[in-house]
Protein backbone atom coordinates (compact mmCIF):
# COMPACT_ATOMS: atom_id res chain seq x y z
CA MET A 1 -212.91 155.70 69.77
CA LYS A 2 -214.58 156.52 73.10
CA LYS A 3 -214.51 154.88 76.50
CA TYR A 4 -217.72 154.85 78.53
CA GLN A 5 -217.02 154.32 82.23
CA PHE A 6 -219.70 152.64 84.36
CA THR A 7 -219.97 153.57 88.02
CA ASN A 8 -221.85 152.23 91.01
CA LYS A 9 -222.82 154.08 94.20
CA ASP A 10 -222.35 152.34 97.54
CA LEU A 11 -225.69 152.75 99.35
CA LYS A 12 -224.04 152.64 102.78
CA THR A 13 -221.08 154.98 102.29
CA GLY A 14 -222.26 156.99 99.30
CA ALA A 15 -218.90 156.39 97.60
CA VAL A 16 -218.94 156.11 93.82
CA LYS A 17 -216.79 153.30 92.44
CA ASP A 18 -215.83 152.31 88.91
CA CYS A 19 -217.45 149.00 87.99
CA GLY A 20 -216.47 148.56 84.36
CA TYR A 21 -216.29 150.28 81.02
CA MET A 22 -217.18 149.83 77.37
CA ILE A 23 -215.32 150.95 74.27
CA TYR A 24 -217.41 152.28 71.41
CA ASP A 25 -217.07 154.48 68.35
CA SER A 26 -219.21 157.52 67.71
CA THR A 27 -219.07 158.36 64.03
CA ASP A 28 -220.83 161.72 64.10
CA ASP A 29 -223.68 163.61 65.72
CA GLU A 30 -226.25 161.58 63.81
CA SER A 31 -225.01 158.02 64.37
CA ALA A 32 -223.07 155.74 66.71
CA GLU A 33 -221.41 152.34 66.63
CA LEU A 34 -221.72 149.44 69.06
CA ARG A 35 -219.26 146.55 68.67
CA PHE A 36 -219.54 142.98 69.93
CA TYR A 37 -215.99 141.80 69.32
CA GLY A 38 -215.65 139.59 72.41
CA ASP A 39 -217.79 137.21 74.41
CA ILE A 40 -221.32 137.84 75.68
CA CYS A 41 -221.44 138.05 79.49
CA SER A 42 -224.24 137.96 82.02
CA ALA A 43 -223.06 140.84 84.20
CA THR A 44 -220.89 143.95 84.01
CA TRP A 45 -218.51 142.76 86.74
CA ILE A 46 -217.53 139.96 84.34
CA SER A 47 -217.34 142.02 81.15
CA LYS A 48 -215.18 144.72 82.74
CA TRP A 49 -212.11 142.47 82.61
CA PHE A 50 -211.99 142.55 78.81
CA GLU A 51 -213.05 145.63 76.91
CA GLU A 52 -214.28 143.54 73.95
CA ASP A 53 -216.82 141.63 76.10
CA LYS A 54 -220.36 142.94 76.60
CA ALA A 55 -223.05 142.42 79.24
CA PRO A 56 -226.71 143.54 79.09
CA GLN A 57 -226.13 146.40 81.54
CA ASP A 58 -223.25 147.68 79.39
CA VAL A 59 -225.53 147.90 76.38
CA ALA A 60 -228.46 149.34 78.34
CA ASP A 61 -226.29 152.11 79.82
CA PHE A 62 -224.76 152.91 76.44
CA LEU A 63 -228.14 153.18 74.70
CA ALA A 64 -229.57 155.22 77.57
CA GLU A 65 -226.78 157.75 77.15
CA LEU A 66 -227.18 157.67 73.38
CA THR A 67 -230.90 158.34 73.72
CA ALA A 68 -230.26 161.21 76.12
CA GLU A 69 -227.76 162.78 73.72
CA GLY A 70 -229.77 162.42 70.53
CA GLY A 71 -233.33 161.88 71.62
CA GLY A 72 -233.18 158.26 70.50
CA HIS A 73 -233.03 159.23 66.83
CA LYS A 74 -229.37 158.51 66.15
CA LYS A 75 -228.68 155.74 63.67
CA LEU A 76 -227.02 152.76 65.38
CA ASP A 77 -224.55 150.48 63.57
CA VAL A 78 -224.06 147.20 65.45
CA TYR A 79 -220.93 145.24 64.50
CA VAL A 80 -220.71 141.57 65.52
CA ASN A 81 -217.65 139.31 65.51
CA SER A 82 -218.27 137.06 68.52
CA GLY A 83 -218.04 133.39 69.42
CA GLY A 84 -221.03 133.66 71.78
CA GLY A 85 -221.25 133.41 75.56
CA ASP A 86 -224.00 133.57 78.16
CA VAL A 87 -227.41 132.70 76.71
CA PHE A 88 -229.42 134.84 79.16
CA GLY A 89 -227.08 137.77 78.56
CA GLY A 90 -227.51 137.42 74.80
CA LEU A 91 -231.31 137.24 75.00
CA ALA A 92 -231.36 140.33 77.19
CA ILE A 93 -229.08 142.22 74.80
CA TYR A 94 -231.35 141.23 71.91
CA SER A 95 -234.36 142.71 73.73
CA ILE A 96 -232.49 145.87 74.75
CA ILE A 97 -231.31 146.64 71.24
CA SER A 98 -234.74 145.80 69.80
CA ARG A 99 -236.29 148.53 71.94
CA TYR A 100 -233.93 151.26 70.73
CA PRO A 101 -236.16 153.57 68.65
CA GLY A 102 -233.56 154.79 66.16
CA GLU A 103 -232.60 153.09 62.90
CA LYS A 104 -230.48 149.98 63.56
CA ILE A 105 -228.21 148.20 61.07
CA ALA A 106 -226.27 145.07 62.04
CA HIS A 107 -223.01 144.06 60.39
CA ILE A 108 -221.69 140.50 60.83
CA ASP A 109 -218.02 141.29 60.36
CA GLY A 110 -216.63 137.79 60.80
CA ILE A 111 -218.72 135.40 62.86
CA ALA A 112 -221.90 135.40 64.92
CA ALA A 113 -221.85 132.10 66.81
CA SER A 114 -224.16 130.63 69.42
CA ILE A 115 -226.07 133.31 71.34
CA ALA A 116 -224.18 136.06 69.45
CA GLY A 117 -226.04 134.84 66.37
CA ILE A 118 -229.36 136.35 67.45
CA ILE A 119 -227.99 139.80 68.32
CA PRO A 120 -227.81 141.05 64.70
CA PHE A 121 -231.51 140.26 64.25
CA ALA A 122 -232.41 142.83 66.91
CA CYS A 123 -231.71 145.40 64.18
CA ASP A 124 -233.85 146.60 61.29
CA LYS A 125 -231.41 145.19 58.74
CA VAL A 126 -228.60 142.61 58.82
CA VAL A 127 -225.73 142.84 56.33
CA ALA A 128 -222.80 140.46 56.04
CA PRO A 129 -220.04 139.56 53.59
CA LYS A 130 -220.46 136.16 51.94
CA TYR A 131 -217.53 134.68 53.86
CA ALA A 132 -218.95 135.58 57.33
CA GLN A 133 -220.36 132.76 59.46
CA LEU A 134 -223.43 132.10 61.55
CA MET A 135 -223.67 129.20 64.01
CA LEU A 136 -226.79 127.78 65.67
CA HIS A 137 -226.75 125.19 68.46
CA LYS A 138 -228.61 124.10 71.58
CA PRO A 139 -227.96 126.15 74.73
CA TRP A 140 -226.22 124.41 77.59
CA SER A 141 -225.76 124.93 81.30
CA GLY A 142 -224.33 123.39 84.45
CA CYS A 143 -226.38 121.99 87.32
CA TRP A 144 -226.01 120.24 90.66
CA GLY A 145 -228.57 119.04 93.17
CA ASN A 146 -231.40 116.53 93.20
CA ALA A 147 -233.64 115.28 90.39
CA ASN A 148 -236.00 118.24 90.81
CA ASP A 149 -233.12 120.67 90.38
CA PHE A 150 -232.04 118.93 87.17
CA LYS A 151 -235.62 118.94 85.90
CA LYS A 152 -235.83 122.70 86.44
CA ALA A 153 -232.51 123.16 84.65
CA ILE A 154 -233.81 121.18 81.66
CA GLU A 155 -236.99 123.24 81.59
CA ALA A 156 -234.95 126.45 81.64
CA LEU A 157 -232.73 125.24 78.78
CA ASN A 158 -235.76 124.24 76.71
CA THR A 159 -237.30 127.66 77.31
CA CYS A 160 -234.08 129.37 76.23
CA GLU A 161 -233.95 127.23 73.11
CA GLN A 162 -237.51 128.12 72.21
CA SER A 163 -236.72 131.81 72.67
CA ILE A 164 -233.78 131.45 70.27
CA ILE A 165 -235.97 129.57 67.77
CA ASN A 166 -238.58 132.34 67.97
CA VAL A 167 -235.97 134.98 67.10
CA TYR A 168 -234.74 133.10 64.05
CA LYS A 169 -238.31 132.26 63.01
CA ALA A 170 -239.26 135.95 63.11
CA HIS A 171 -236.48 136.68 60.59
CA ALA A 172 -236.88 133.58 58.42
CA VAL A 173 -237.27 133.73 54.63
CA ASN A 174 -238.02 131.35 51.76
CA GLY A 175 -240.52 129.37 53.82
CA THR A 176 -238.01 128.33 56.47
CA THR A 177 -240.05 126.47 59.07
CA GLU A 178 -239.66 126.22 62.82
CA ASP A 179 -238.84 122.53 62.39
CA LYS A 180 -236.01 123.39 59.99
CA ILE A 181 -234.57 125.91 62.46
CA LYS A 182 -234.85 123.40 65.31
CA SER A 183 -233.10 120.79 63.17
CA MET A 184 -230.17 123.14 62.54
CA ILE A 185 -229.98 123.95 66.26
CA ASP A 186 -230.07 120.27 67.25
CA ARG A 187 -227.03 119.35 65.15
CA GLU A 188 -224.94 122.52 65.75
CA THR A 189 -224.97 124.04 62.27
CA TRP A 190 -222.25 126.34 60.89
CA LEU A 191 -223.33 128.43 57.91
CA THR A 192 -221.57 130.92 55.72
CA ALA A 193 -223.53 134.15 55.38
CA GLU A 194 -224.32 133.12 51.81
CA GLN A 195 -225.89 129.89 53.11
CA ALA A 196 -227.60 131.65 56.03
CA ALA A 197 -229.23 134.11 53.61
CA GLU A 198 -231.18 131.17 52.18
CA TYR A 199 -232.95 130.79 55.54
CA PHE A 200 -232.83 134.22 57.21
CA ASN A 201 -233.17 137.86 56.25
CA ILE A 202 -229.52 138.75 55.58
CA GLU A 203 -228.25 141.13 52.91
CA LEU A 204 -224.98 139.90 51.37
CA LEU A 205 -222.00 142.12 50.66
CA ASP A 206 -218.96 141.61 48.43
CA THR A 207 -216.05 142.67 50.63
CA GLU A 208 -212.60 141.43 51.58
CA PRO A 209 -212.17 139.14 54.64
CA VAL A 210 -211.45 140.71 58.04
CA ALA A 211 -209.51 139.34 61.02
CA ALA A 212 -210.85 136.19 62.65
CA CYS A 213 -212.53 136.32 66.05
CA ILE A 214 -210.62 134.82 68.98
CA SER A 215 -213.08 133.42 71.52
CA ASP A 216 -212.93 131.17 74.58
CA SER A 217 -216.26 129.67 73.48
CA TYR A 218 -214.90 127.86 70.41
CA LYS A 219 -213.31 125.01 72.37
CA MET A 220 -216.71 124.08 73.84
CA TYR A 221 -218.51 123.54 70.53
CA LYS A 222 -218.64 120.13 68.84
CA HIS A 223 -218.11 121.06 65.20
CA THR A 224 -216.04 124.24 65.29
CA PRO A 225 -214.26 124.69 61.94
CA GLU A 226 -210.54 123.97 62.26
CA ALA A 227 -209.67 127.39 60.87
CA LEU A 228 -211.31 129.04 63.88
CA MET A 229 -209.48 126.83 66.38
CA GLN A 230 -206.04 127.73 65.08
CA GLU A 231 -204.12 130.48 66.79
CA PRO A 232 -203.16 133.27 64.41
CA VAL A 233 -199.68 132.74 63.04
CA PRO A 234 -197.47 135.73 63.76
CA GLN A 235 -196.27 137.27 60.56
CA PRO A 236 -192.47 137.54 60.23
CA LYS A 237 -191.16 141.03 60.23
CA SER A 238 -189.75 142.27 56.99
CA PRO A 239 -185.97 142.58 57.13
CA GLU A 240 -184.68 146.08 57.56
CA PRO A 241 -183.47 147.44 54.23
CA LYS A 242 -179.68 147.57 54.02
CA GLU A 243 -178.25 150.99 53.71
CA ASP A 244 -176.03 151.80 50.80
CA GLU A 245 -172.36 151.92 51.83
CA THR A 246 -172.05 155.44 50.42
CA ILE A 247 -174.83 156.66 52.73
CA LYS A 248 -173.19 154.92 55.70
CA ASN A 249 -169.86 156.61 54.98
CA ARG A 250 -171.53 160.02 54.77
CA LYS A 251 -173.23 159.42 58.13
CA ARG A 252 -169.89 158.48 59.74
CA LYS A 253 -168.20 161.60 58.38
CA LEU A 254 -171.07 163.80 59.55
CA GLN A 255 -170.92 162.27 63.05
CA MET A 256 -167.15 162.79 63.16
CA SER A 257 -167.59 166.46 62.19
CA LEU A 258 -170.17 166.96 64.94
CA ASP A 259 -167.85 165.35 67.50
CA VAL A 260 -165.02 167.70 66.47
CA LEU A 261 -167.28 170.74 66.78
CA ARG A 262 -168.27 169.69 70.33
CA LEU A 263 -164.59 169.41 71.30
CA LEU A 264 -163.80 172.86 69.93
CA LYS A 265 -166.54 174.52 72.02
């Protein structure tokens, strides 16, 4: 496990300040791992508060360093277990990863929801266990102002949606049409990886389930599965094994002997 610290130079004073960090694993000299285990953010100053969150600049800086170290030829494993986040941040991350010249393999560990759902498709191959989940829905935003401002906001949301549709369409299989993808987005569709593989280029794996993803985004969706909304139940600790009375007696006698020796010194 490595920690990559991001810094920023103050143009007025010249002082260098820490402005966030990202945790990543480097498996060996030939490959590296990038994990999206939190929410997708728009900027590093947001993602720095939680090491699991990622922003486009985080990913760009990481891949720039990776390219400098290995000439851009290192294999990159991208692991996703995210409830989504900022749509513009996710689209930017998709583009950034797509440009990385080395081999890229995406692993949907648990869930790829909302804008996190397109990130795996930035890679050359997407693999997922059958129980993993993919969720597609319409992007949303907040707006205030006059009618013109709201019209611009609607246009921006429609553009974002079309960008998302284009990503899924580029990785569609079995004759999945743009209309079919749009229909799934319109009604907020949750798919197991096994179901998603009927529509998109996903390689299925037979593996055991991993831990669920805890995300602030889940409470905003309309049809979030109940299992994802539940807080993990803390597992009771196993009771300490009772010591045999014979062992306890031997410990007492040993302690008494040590106390006597201390007194004799």
